[in-house]
């Protein structure tokens, strides 16, 4: 390997590690709200509403962040496509970390009255905006540095980040519940995971400030790529906001891509947030037991993330996602019937099986979505697509599940809702092209719209 090749390999490793660590921290920050909402926020911030009302209120604030994520995708995508991926990711990490730590300092309803949940909503919006800009930028840094033949494998590093963030979030809560009595946990123990964000953000900033900008973005920025608006081969010699170009010319892959990942979001948050709340408050199962099952399941999820991400380089992104989505739709029908047996082995099978299926779905996404868009709008396009799926699958699902369970007296109808999202996702995947092996820098600047229905994006 020559000196330039060695430098590129080292840069790719640094980018992969930076994406992994930064995304793990951001998702840790995001996930701890969901765990706290399921365990304690109904008492701390929404007392007097009744069990179901308080849970709905906590999950409503939980949903607010998902609604804010597309806004974060647009704002951070604009600067990521104009200023650069690296600087934008540093700002998103700071916004998320400071908002999370502020939740840990926020007085409860007993001290501030209704101002406490109002401020909680504001901080949750900040979390959503920060995470909305995080994933797309981190995915681009890897995709634009990795060789085409191994882009799925390196994208797997990024997709391990949410898994690690989930393990950290639930591990900290499990340790606190085992080490503290219930009164201490409700009074101050739940704040510890939020305050830990100060230290985690410092680590993330140290790692991210050491990486370099994507070579593809530098080429566009210098005007050396046909994708630069002022390049003589570009069809239009004028600058316009990336979101306008995405909405006008790439709306089809945004909608189809967002729909394709909806069921993954829904299954994840049903398994890790709603199932935790339902098992503890509805089925009378100890929260420590459910958290322990989810942590073991997360290990299986990490394994299938890596497997599906790596294999997507051979099998194809779309094909891998189609198989995983079919598995998710089928598992949705057995998840809650197994959970409601209150049998420890069957509950473990339900939760761990869902986590394993989720890993199969999440693995190829970090390579797949960036491959759908040209460099000049890739940050905005990939981030908007990813977070659009989050609005439908992540924001609404816990609320729908709570309502369905209340109406029917059982959570089993939630499985049919989830299976329906799986059918929708399969339909959306049929509209998307197979992108495996595409050279991201070889985009035809004259192509007006992103391809659908199996077209070769590099052709």
Protein backbone atom coordinates (compact mmCIF):
# COMPACT_ATOMS: atom_id res chain seq x y z
CA UNK A 1 0.00 0.00 0.00
CA UNK A 2 1.44 3.41 -1.01
CA UNK A 3 1.52 6.44 1.26
CA UNK A 4 -1.72 7.89 -0.13
CA UNK A 5 -3.51 4.56 0.25
CA UNK A 6 -2.32 4.25 3.84
CA UNK A 7 -3.52 7.79 4.58
CA UNK A 8 -6.95 7.06 3.08
CA UNK A 9 -7.24 3.83 5.08
CA UNK A 10 -6.33 5.67 8.28
CA UNK A 11 -8.79 8.45 7.51
CA UNK A 12 -11.56 5.91 6.89
CA UNK A 13 -10.87 4.22 10.23
CA UNK A 14 -10.95 7.58 12.04
CA UNK A 15 -14.19 8.53 10.33
CA UNK A 16 -15.80 5.18 11.18
CA UNK A 17 -14.78 5.43 14.84
CA UNK A 18 -15.90 9.07 15.06
CA UNK A 19 -19.27 8.21 13.52
CA UNK A 20 -19.71 5.25 15.86
CA UNK A 21 -18.85 7.16 19.03
CA UNK A 22 -20.73 10.33 18.14
CA UNK A 23 -23.88 8.52 17.06
CA UNK A 24 -23.79 6.25 20.11
CA UNK A 25 -23.68 9.33 22.36
CA UNK A 26 -26.47 11.13 20.52
CA UNK A 27 -28.74 8.09 20.56
CA UNK A 28 -27.92 7.47 24.23
CA UNK A 29 -29.16 10.99 24.90
CA UNK A 30 -32.29 10.38 22.84
CA UNK A 31 -33.07 6.93 24.30
CA UNK A 32 -32.81 7.84 27.96
CA UNK A 33 -35.88 10.03 27.59
CA UNK A 34 -37.90 7.06 26.33
CA UNK A 35 -36.77 4.89 29.24
CA UNK A 36 -37.43 7.64 31.78
CA UNK A 37 -40.84 8.32 30.22
CA UNK A 38 -41.78 4.67 30.62
CA UNK A 39 -40.53 4.42 34.21
CA UNK A 40 -40.83 7.74 36.06
CA UNK A 41 -41.87 10.84 34.05
CA UNK A 42 -45.58 10.26 34.54
CA UNK A 43 -45.01 10.87 38.27
CA UNK A 44 -42.33 13.57 38.06
CA UNK A 45 -43.87 15.78 35.36
CA UNK A 46 -47.49 14.65 34.91
CA UNK A 47 -49.02 13.80 38.30
CA UNK A 48 -52.76 13.76 38.78
CA UNK A 49 -53.65 12.65 35.23
CA UNK A 50 -54.26 9.01 36.05
CA UNK A 51 -52.13 6.10 34.90
CA UNK A 52 -53.19 6.11 31.24
CA UNK A 53 -53.41 9.90 30.97
CA UNK A 54 -49.97 10.44 32.48
CA UNK A 55 -48.43 7.79 30.22
CA UNK A 56 -50.04 9.37 27.16
CA UNK A 57 -48.72 12.78 28.23
CA UNK A 58 -45.20 11.43 28.70
CA UNK A 59 -45.32 9.67 25.31
CA UNK A 60 -46.73 12.82 23.68
CA UNK A 61 -43.68 14.78 24.78
CA UNK A 62 -41.64 11.80 23.60
CA UNK A 63 -43.28 12.16 20.17
CA UNK A 64 -42.50 15.88 19.96
CA UNK A 65 -38.82 15.13 19.33
CA UNK A 66 -39.69 12.97 16.34
CA UNK A 67 -41.76 15.79 14.87
CA UNK A 68 -38.76 18.10 15.32
CA UNK A 69 -36.32 15.70 13.65
CA UNK A 70 -37.28 16.59 10.04
CA UNK A 71 -36.72 20.25 10.95
CA UNK A 72 -33.26 19.31 12.20
CA UNK A 73 -32.67 17.39 8.98
CA UNK A 74 -33.52 20.48 6.90
CA UNK A 75 -31.53 22.95 9.02
CA UNK A 76 -28.43 20.83 9.55
CA UNK A 77 -28.75 19.37 6.06
CA UNK A 78 -28.59 22.88 4.58
CA UNK A 79 -25.39 23.75 6.40
CA UNK A 80 -23.99 20.25 5.92
CA UNK A 81 -24.45 20.54 2.16
CA UNK A 82 -23.15 24.11 2.06
CA UNK A 83 -20.59 24.47 4.87
CA UNK A 84 -19.47 20.87 5.38
CA UNK A 85 -20.30 17.61 7.12
CA UNK A 86 -17.77 17.87 9.96
CA UNK A 87 -18.66 21.30 11.36
CA UNK A 88 -22.37 20.55 11.22
CA UNK A 89 -21.94 17.32 13.15
CA UNK A 90 -20.06 19.13 15.91
CA UNK A 91 -22.95 21.59 16.36
CA UNK A 92 -25.57 18.81 16.36
CA UNK A 93 -23.66 16.94 19.06
CA UNK A 94 -23.47 20.07 21.24
CA UNK A 95 -27.18 20.84 20.85
CA UNK A 96 -28.22 17.31 21.75
CA UNK A 97 -25.83 17.01 24.69
CA UNK A 98 -26.69 20.32 26.33
CA UNK A 99 -30.45 19.77 25.93
CA UNK A 100 -30.15 16.31 27.48
CA UNK A 101 -28.10 17.52 30.44
CA UNK A 102 -30.63 20.32 31.01
CA UNK A 103 -33.40 17.72 31.44
CA UNK A 104 -31.37 16.29 34.31
CA UNK A 105 -31.38 19.72 35.98
CA UNK A 106 -35.06 20.47 35.34
CA UNK A 107 -37.26 20.71 38.48
CA UNK A 108 -40.37 18.53 38.49
CA UNK A 109 -44.05 19.44 38.57
CA UNK A 110 -44.04 19.71 42.36
CA UNK A 111 -41.53 22.60 42.21
CA UNK A 112 -42.39 24.41 38.96
CA UNK A 113 -45.96 23.40 38.26
CA UNK A 114 -46.92 23.37 34.58
CA UNK A 115 -43.73 25.24 33.65
CA UNK A 116 -41.83 21.99 34.22
CA UNK A 117 -43.53 20.02 31.41
CA UNK A 118 -43.47 23.12 29.16
CA UNK A 119 -39.69 23.42 29.50
CA UNK A 120 -39.43 19.64 29.06
CA UNK A 121 -41.18 19.98 25.69
CA UNK A 122 -38.74 22.72 24.61
CA UNK A 123 -35.74 20.61 25.58
CA UNK A 124 -37.22 17.60 23.83
CA UNK A 125 -37.62 19.70 20.66
CA UNK A 126 -33.94 20.64 20.90
CA UNK A 127 -33.08 16.95 21.23
CA UNK A 128 -35.11 16.17 18.13
CA UNK A 129 -33.49 18.93 16.08
CA UNK A 130 -30.03 17.78 17.15
CA UNK A 131 -30.65 14.13 16.31
CA UNK A 132 -32.33 15.13 13.06
CA UNK A 133 -29.00 16.49 11.87
CA UNK A 134 -26.83 13.77 13.41
CA UNK A 135 -27.51 10.56 11.55
CA UNK A 136 -27.44 11.96 8.01
CA UNK A 137 -24.09 13.68 8.49
CA UNK A 138 -22.47 10.69 10.15
CA UNK A 139 -23.76 8.37 7.42
CA UNK A 140 -22.37 10.66 4.75
CA UNK A 141 -18.92 10.87 6.31
CA UNK A 142 -18.66 7.09 6.12
CA UNK A 143 -20.37 6.63 2.74
CA UNK A 144 -18.27 9.33 1.05
CA UNK A 145 -14.99 7.92 2.40
CA UNK A 146 -15.66 4.18 2.03
CA UNK A 147 -14.95 2.19 -1.16
CA UNK A 148 -18.10 1.23 -3.05
CA UNK A 149 -17.50 -2.51 -2.62
CA UNK A 150 -17.41 -2.21 1.19
CA UNK A 151 -19.71 0.73 1.84
CA UNK A 152 -22.32 -1.46 3.51
CA UNK A 153 -19.76 -2.98 5.86
CA UNK A 154 -18.40 0.39 6.95
CA UNK A 155 -21.95 1.73 7.27
CA UNK A 156 -22.44 -1.04 9.82
CA UNK A 157 -20.10 0.87 12.17
CA UNK A 158 -22.56 3.75 12.17
CA UNK A 159 -25.55 1.47 12.72
CA UNK A 160 -23.86 -0.04 15.76
CA UNK A 161 -24.00 3.43 17.32
CA UNK A 162 -27.73 3.37 18.14
CA UNK A 163 -27.32 -0.14 19.57
CA UNK A 164 -24.49 0.96 21.83
CA UNK A 165 -26.46 4.06 22.83
CA UNK A 166 -29.41 1.85 23.73
CA UNK A 167 -27.23 -0.49 25.81
CA UNK A 168 -25.68 2.46 27.64
CA UNK A 169 -29.05 4.09 28.31
CA UNK A 170 -30.77 0.95 29.59
CA UNK A 171 -27.67 -0.29 31.40
CA UNK A 172 -27.43 2.92 33.40
CA UNK A 173 -31.11 2.82 34.33
CA UNK A 174 -30.89 -0.86 35.27
CA UNK A 175 -27.86 -0.21 37.50
CA UNK A 176 -29.61 2.70 39.20
CA UNK A 177 -32.79 0.72 39.85
CA UNK A 178 -30.80 -2.16 41.31
CA UNK A 179 -28.67 0.14 43.46
CA UNK A 180 -31.34 2.55 44.72
CA UNK A 181 -34.66 2.13 46.42
CA UNK A 182 -37.75 3.29 44.54
CA UNK A 183 -38.04 6.58 46.41
CA UNK A 184 -34.42 7.59 45.77
CA UNK A 185 -34.72 6.63 42.10
CA UNK A 186 -37.83 8.76 41.63
CA UNK A 187 -36.44 11.72 43.58
CA UNK A 188 -32.96 12.03 42.02
CA UNK A 189 -31.66 8.76 40.60
CA UNK A 190 -33.33 9.16 37.19
CA UNK A 191 -31.40 12.42 36.69
CA UNK A 192 -27.99 10.74 36.69
CA UNK A 193 -28.20 9.37 33.10
CA UNK A 194 -29.11 12.83 31.81
CA UNK A 195 -26.32 14.62 33.68
CA UNK A 196 -23.81 12.06 32.39
CA UNK A 197 -24.33 13.63 28.96
CA UNK A 198 -21.88 16.41 29.92
CA UNK A 199 -19.00 13.93 30.04
CA UNK A 200 -20.12 11.95 26.99
CA UNK A 201 -20.39 15.05 24.81
CA UNK A 202 -16.84 16.06 25.76
CA UNK A 203 -15.62 12.67 24.55
CA UNK A 204 -17.62 12.95 21.33
CA UNK A 205 -16.28 16.41 20.56
CA UNK A 206 -12.69 15.30 21.11
CA UNK A 207 -13.13 12.49 18.58
CA UNK A 208 -15.06 14.46 15.97
CA UNK A 209 -12.74 17.46 15.91
CA UNK A 210 -9.90 15.18 14.80
CA UNK A 211 -11.48 13.96 11.55
CA UNK A 212 -11.26 15.62 8.14
CA UNK A 213 -13.93 16.67 5.69
CA UNK A 214 -15.29 14.23 3.09
CA UNK A 215 -13.22 14.26 -0.16
CA UNK A 216 -16.39 14.24 -2.27
CA UNK A 217 -17.71 17.32 -0.50
CA UNK A 218 -14.34 19.08 -0.88
CA UNK A 219 -14.45 18.39 -4.63
CA UNK A 220 -17.94 19.89 -4.92
CA UNK A 221 -16.93 22.85 -2.75
CA UNK A 222 -13.91 23.60 -4.97
CA UNK A 223 -16.01 23.41 -8.12
CA UNK A 224 -14.15 20.36 -9.41
CA UNK A 225 -17.29 18.20 -9.54
CA UNK A 226 -20.12 18.45 -12.10
CA UNK A 227 -22.44 18.62 -9.10
CA UNK A 228 -21.20 22.11 -8.21
CA UNK A 229 -23.76 24.72 -9.35
CA UNK A 230 -21.06 26.81 -11.06
CA UNK A 231 -19.33 23.92 -12.83
CA UNK A 232 -19.68 24.30 -16.63
CA UNK A 233 -21.25 20.82 -16.91
CA UNK A 234 -23.91 21.54 -14.30
CA UNK A 235 -27.35 22.13 -15.85
CA UNK A 236 -28.06 25.21 -13.72
CA UNK A 237 -25.50 27.87 -12.83
CA UNK A 238 -27.20 29.18 -9.74
CA UNK A 239 -27.26 28.35 -6.08
CA UNK A 240 -30.45 27.27 -4.35
CA UNK A 241 -31.24 25.82 -0.91
CA UNK A 242 -30.65 22.04 -0.83
CA UNK A 243 -34.12 21.37 0.62
CA UNK A 244 -35.78 22.98 -2.41
CA UNK A 245 -33.82 20.78 -4.79
CA UNK A 246 -34.63 17.69 -2.71
CA UNK A 247 -38.36 18.52 -2.60
CA UNK A 248 -38.56 19.39 -6.31
CA UNK A 249 -36.29 16.76 -7.84
CA UNK A 250 -35.81 13.96 -5.30
CA UNK A 251 -39.15 13.78 -3.53
CA UNK A 252 -39.85 10.25 -4.74
CA UNK A 253 -36.87 8.57 -3.02
CA UNK A 254 -37.50 10.71 0.09
CA UNK A 255 -41.08 9.47 0.41
CA UNK A 256 -40.34 5.88 -0.62
CA UNK A 257 -37.22 5.70 1.54
CA UNK A 258 -39.01 7.15 4.55
CA UNK A 259 -41.84 4.68 4.12
CA UNK A 260 -39.39 1.79 3.75
CA UNK A 261 -37.82 2.35 7.18
CA UNK A 262 -41.06 3.19 9.02
CA UNK A 263 -41.64 -0.35 10.28
CA UNK A 264 -38.10 -0.51 11.69
CA UNK A 265 -38.71 2.60 13.77
CA UNK A 266 -42.10 1.32 14.90
CA UNK A 267 -40.81 -2.11 15.94
CA UNK A 268 -37.85 -0.60 17.78
CA UNK A 269 -39.82 1.86 19.88
CA UNK A 270 -42.62 -0.60 20.52
CA UNK A 271 -40.06 -3.10 21.81
CA UNK A 272 -37.83 -0.76 23.81
CA UNK A 273 -40.25 1.89 25.08
CA UNK A 274 -43.89 0.87 24.89
CA UNK A 275 -43.28 -2.80 25.77
CA UNK A 276 -41.28 -1.66 28.80
CA UNK A 277 -44.15 0.56 29.99
CA UNK A 278 -46.81 -2.05 29.20
CA UNK A 279 -44.97 -4.93 30.87
CA UNK A 280 -44.31 -2.97 34.06
CA UNK A 281 -47.61 -1.09 34.48
CA UNK A 282 -49.99 -3.37 32.59
CA UNK A 283 -48.62 -6.86 33.25
CA UNK A 284 -46.97 -6.28 36.62
CA UNK A 285 -43.52 -7.43 35.53
CA UNK A 286 -40.49 -5.94 37.29
CA UNK A 287 -38.85 -3.22 35.20
CA UNK A 288 -35.39 -4.58 36.05
CA UNK A 289 -36.32 -7.92 34.45
CA UNK A 290 -37.55 -6.28 31.24
CA UNK A 291 -34.50 -4.02 31.03
CA UNK A 292 -32.21 -7.03 31.48
CA UNK A 293 -34.01 -8.91 28.67
CA UNK A 294 -33.69 -5.91 26.36
CA UNK A 295 -29.98 -5.57 27.12
CA UNK A 296 -29.35 -9.21 26.21
CA UNK A 297 -31.45 -8.75 23.09
CA UNK A 298 -29.34 -5.73 22.14
CA UNK A 299 -26.27 -7.98 21.93
CA UNK A 300 -28.09 -10.08 19.33
CA UNK A 301 -29.15 -6.89 17.56
CA UNK A 302 -25.54 -5.74 17.29
CA UNK A 303 -24.59 -9.04 15.69
CA UNK A 304 -27.32 -8.90 13.06
CA UNK A 305 -26.60 -5.23 12.34
CA UNK A 306 -23.06 -6.15 11.42
CA UNK A 307 -24.10 -9.25 9.49
CA UNK A 308 -26.78 -7.56 7.39
CA UNK A 309 -24.64 -4.46 6.77
CA UNK A 310 -21.72 -6.56 5.53
CA UNK A 311 -23.85 -8.96 3.50
CA UNK A 312 -25.69 -6.11 1.79
CA UNK A 313 -22.48 -5.50 -0.19
CA UNK A 314 -23.07 -8.92 -1.77
CA UNK A 315 -26.79 -9.49 -1.57
CA UNK A 316 -27.83 -5.90 -2.35
CA UNK A 317 -29.24 -3.23 -0.06
CA UNK A 318 -32.82 -3.46 -1.24
CA UNK A 319 -32.91 -7.25 -1.24
CA UNK A 320 -31.53 -7.43 2.30
CA UNK A 321 -34.07 -4.86 3.51
CA UNK A 322 -36.93 -6.71 1.84
CA UNK A 323 -36.13 -9.94 3.66
CA UNK A 324 -35.70 -8.11 6.98
CA UNK A 325 -38.95 -6.19 6.55
CA UNK A 326 -40.83 -9.43 5.86
CA UNK A 327 -39.40 -10.89 9.08
CA UNK A 328 -40.44 -7.76 11.01
CA UNK A 329 -44.02 -7.93 9.72
CA UNK A 330 -44.24 -11.58 10.76
CA UNK A 331 -42.66 -11.04 14.18
CA UNK A 332 -45.08 -8.20 14.86
CA UNK A 333 -47.92 -10.73 15.04
CA UNK A 334 -46.29 -12.81 17.80
CA UNK A 335 -44.55 -10.09 19.83
CA UNK A 336 -47.39 -9.12 22.17
CA UNK A 337 -49.08 -12.54 22.44
CA UNK A 338 -45.75 -13.90 23.70
CA UNK A 339 -45.28 -10.93 26.00
CA UNK A 340 -48.74 -11.30 27.54
CA UNK A 341 -48.05 -14.89 28.62
CA UNK A 342 -45.90 -13.31 31.40
CA UNK A 343 -43.69 -16.39 31.04
CA UNK A 344 -40.08 -15.29 31.43
CA UNK A 345 -38.71 -17.55 28.66
CA UNK A 346 -41.45 -16.51 26.21
CA UNK A 347 -41.11 -12.83 27.11
CA UNK A 348 -37.40 -13.10 26.45
CA UNK A 349 -38.05 -14.75 23.07
CA UNK A 350 -40.50 -11.95 22.18
CA UNK A 351 -38.16 -9.08 23.07
CA UNK A 352 -34.84 -10.62 22.00
CA UNK A 353 -36.35 -11.87 18.74
CA UNK A 354 -37.61 -8.38 17.93
CA UNK A 355 -34.16 -6.93 18.59
CA UNK A 356 -32.50 -9.49 16.31
CA UNK A 357 -34.96 -8.72 13.50
CA UNK A 358 -34.33 -5.00 14.01
CA UNK A 359 -30.60 -5.51 13.52
CA UNK A 360 -31.30 -7.12 10.15
CA UNK A 361 -33.31 -4.06 9.14
CA UNK A 362 -30.97 -1.35 10.39
CA UNK A 363 -27.70 -2.75 9.04
CA UNK A 364 -27.89 -1.68 5.35
CA UNK A 365 -29.66 1.67 5.91
CA UNK A 366 -26.51 3.77 6.50
CA UNK A 367 -25.21 2.85 3.04
CA UNK A 368 -28.57 2.66 1.26
CA UNK A 369 -30.01 6.12 1.94
CA UNK A 370 -26.90 8.18 1.02
CA UNK A 371 -26.65 6.21 -2.24
CA UNK A 372 -30.03 7.58 -3.32
CA UNK A 373 -28.90 11.22 -3.57
CA UNK A 374 -26.17 13.29 -5.31
CA UNK A 375 -23.38 14.85 -3.25
CA UNK A 376 -24.62 18.44 -3.36
CA UNK A 377 -27.88 17.53 -1.56
CA UNK A 378 -26.94 14.19 0.00
CA UNK A 379 -26.94 15.43 3.60
CA UNK A 380 -30.40 16.98 3.30
CA UNK A 381 -31.85 14.10 1.29
CA UNK A 382 -30.57 11.26 3.47
CA UNK A 383 -31.35 13.04 6.76
CA UNK A 384 -34.85 14.06 5.67
CA UNK A 385 -35.62 10.53 4.48
CA UNK A 386 -34.36 8.92 7.67
CA UNK A 387 -36.26 11.27 9.94
CA UNK A 388 -39.47 11.16 7.91
CA UNK A 389 -39.60 7.45 8.72
CA UNK A 390 -39.08 8.40 12.36
CA UNK A 391 -42.12 10.68 12.45
CA UNK A 392 -44.48 7.95 11.26
CA UNK A 393 -42.85 4.95 12.89
CA UNK A 394 -41.35 6.42 16.05
CA UNK A 395 -43.54 9.35 17.07
CA UNK A 396 -46.99 7.91 16.52
CA UNK A 397 -46.51 4.24 17.37
CA UNK A 398 -46.32 4.43 21.21
CA UNK A 399 -49.41 6.70 21.23
CA UNK A 400 -51.33 4.41 18.86
CA UNK A 401 -50.28 1.37 20.91
CA UNK A 402 -51.46 2.96 24.16
CA UNK A 403 -54.85 3.81 22.65
CA UNK A 404 -55.31 0.36 21.08
CA UNK A 405 -54.43 -1.41 24.31
CA UNK A 406 -56.80 0.79 26.29
CA UNK A 407 -59.63 0.20 23.79
CA UNK A 408 -59.28 -3.60 23.47
CA UNK A 409 -57.86 -4.50 26.87
CA UNK A 410 -54.92 -6.28 25.22
CA UNK A 411 -51.87 -5.20 23.22
CA UNK A 412 -52.36 -7.86 20.55
CA UNK A 413 -54.06 -5.45 18.06
CA UNK A 414 -50.83 -3.44 18.12
CA UNK A 415 -49.20 -6.35 16.30
CA UNK A 416 -51.65 -6.02 13.39
CA UNK A 417 -50.92 -2.29 13.22
CA UNK A 418 -47.21 -3.05 13.05
CA UNK A 419 -47.69 -5.76 10.43
CA UNK A 420 -49.62 -3.23 8.33
CA UNK A 421 -46.65 -0.87 8.48
CA UNK A 422 -44.49 -3.78 7.31
CA UNK A 423 -46.66 -4.26 4.22
CA UNK A 424 -46.40 -0.51 3.52
CA UNK A 425 -42.62 -0.68 3.86
CA UNK A 426 -42.37 -3.59 1.41
CA UNK A 427 -44.36 -1.61 -1.12
CA UNK A 428 -42.03 1.38 -0.71
CA UNK A 429 -38.95 -0.81 -1.14
CA UNK A 430 -40.27 -1.99 -4.51
CA UNK A 431 -40.19 1.64 -5.67
CA UNK A 432 -36.53 2.15 -4.77
CA UNK A 433 -33.51 1.23 -6.90
CA UNK A 434 -30.82 -1.29 -6.03
CA UNK A 435 -27.83 0.91 -5.19
CA UNK A 436 -25.15 -1.59 -4.19
CA UNK A 437 -21.81 -0.84 -5.85
CA UNK A 438 -22.72 2.66 -7.03
CA UNK A 439 -19.86 5.20 -7.18
CA UNK A 440 -21.09 8.20 -5.24
CA UNK A 441 -18.91 10.64 -7.16
CA UNK A 442 -20.04 9.41 -10.58
CA UNK A 443 -23.46 11.04 -10.53
CA UNK A 444 -24.79 12.40 -13.82
CA UNK A 445 -25.32 16.10 -13.14
CA UNK A 446 -27.87 16.24 -15.94
CA UNK A 447 -30.19 13.69 -14.31
CA UNK A 448 -33.19 15.64 -13.13
CA UNK A 449 -34.70 13.10 -10.77
CA UNK A 450 -33.44 10.23 -8.66
CA UNK A 451 -34.23 6.84 -10.21
CA UNK A 452 -36.89 4.46 -9.03
CA UNK A 453 -38.00 0.93 -9.89
CA UNK A 454 -34.63 -0.75 -9.98
CA UNK A 455 -32.71 1.70 -12.15
CA UNK A 456 -28.94 1.81 -11.74
CA UNK A 457 -28.11 5.11 -9.94
CA UNK A 458 -24.61 5.17 -11.41
CA UNK A 459 -25.81 4.73 -14.99
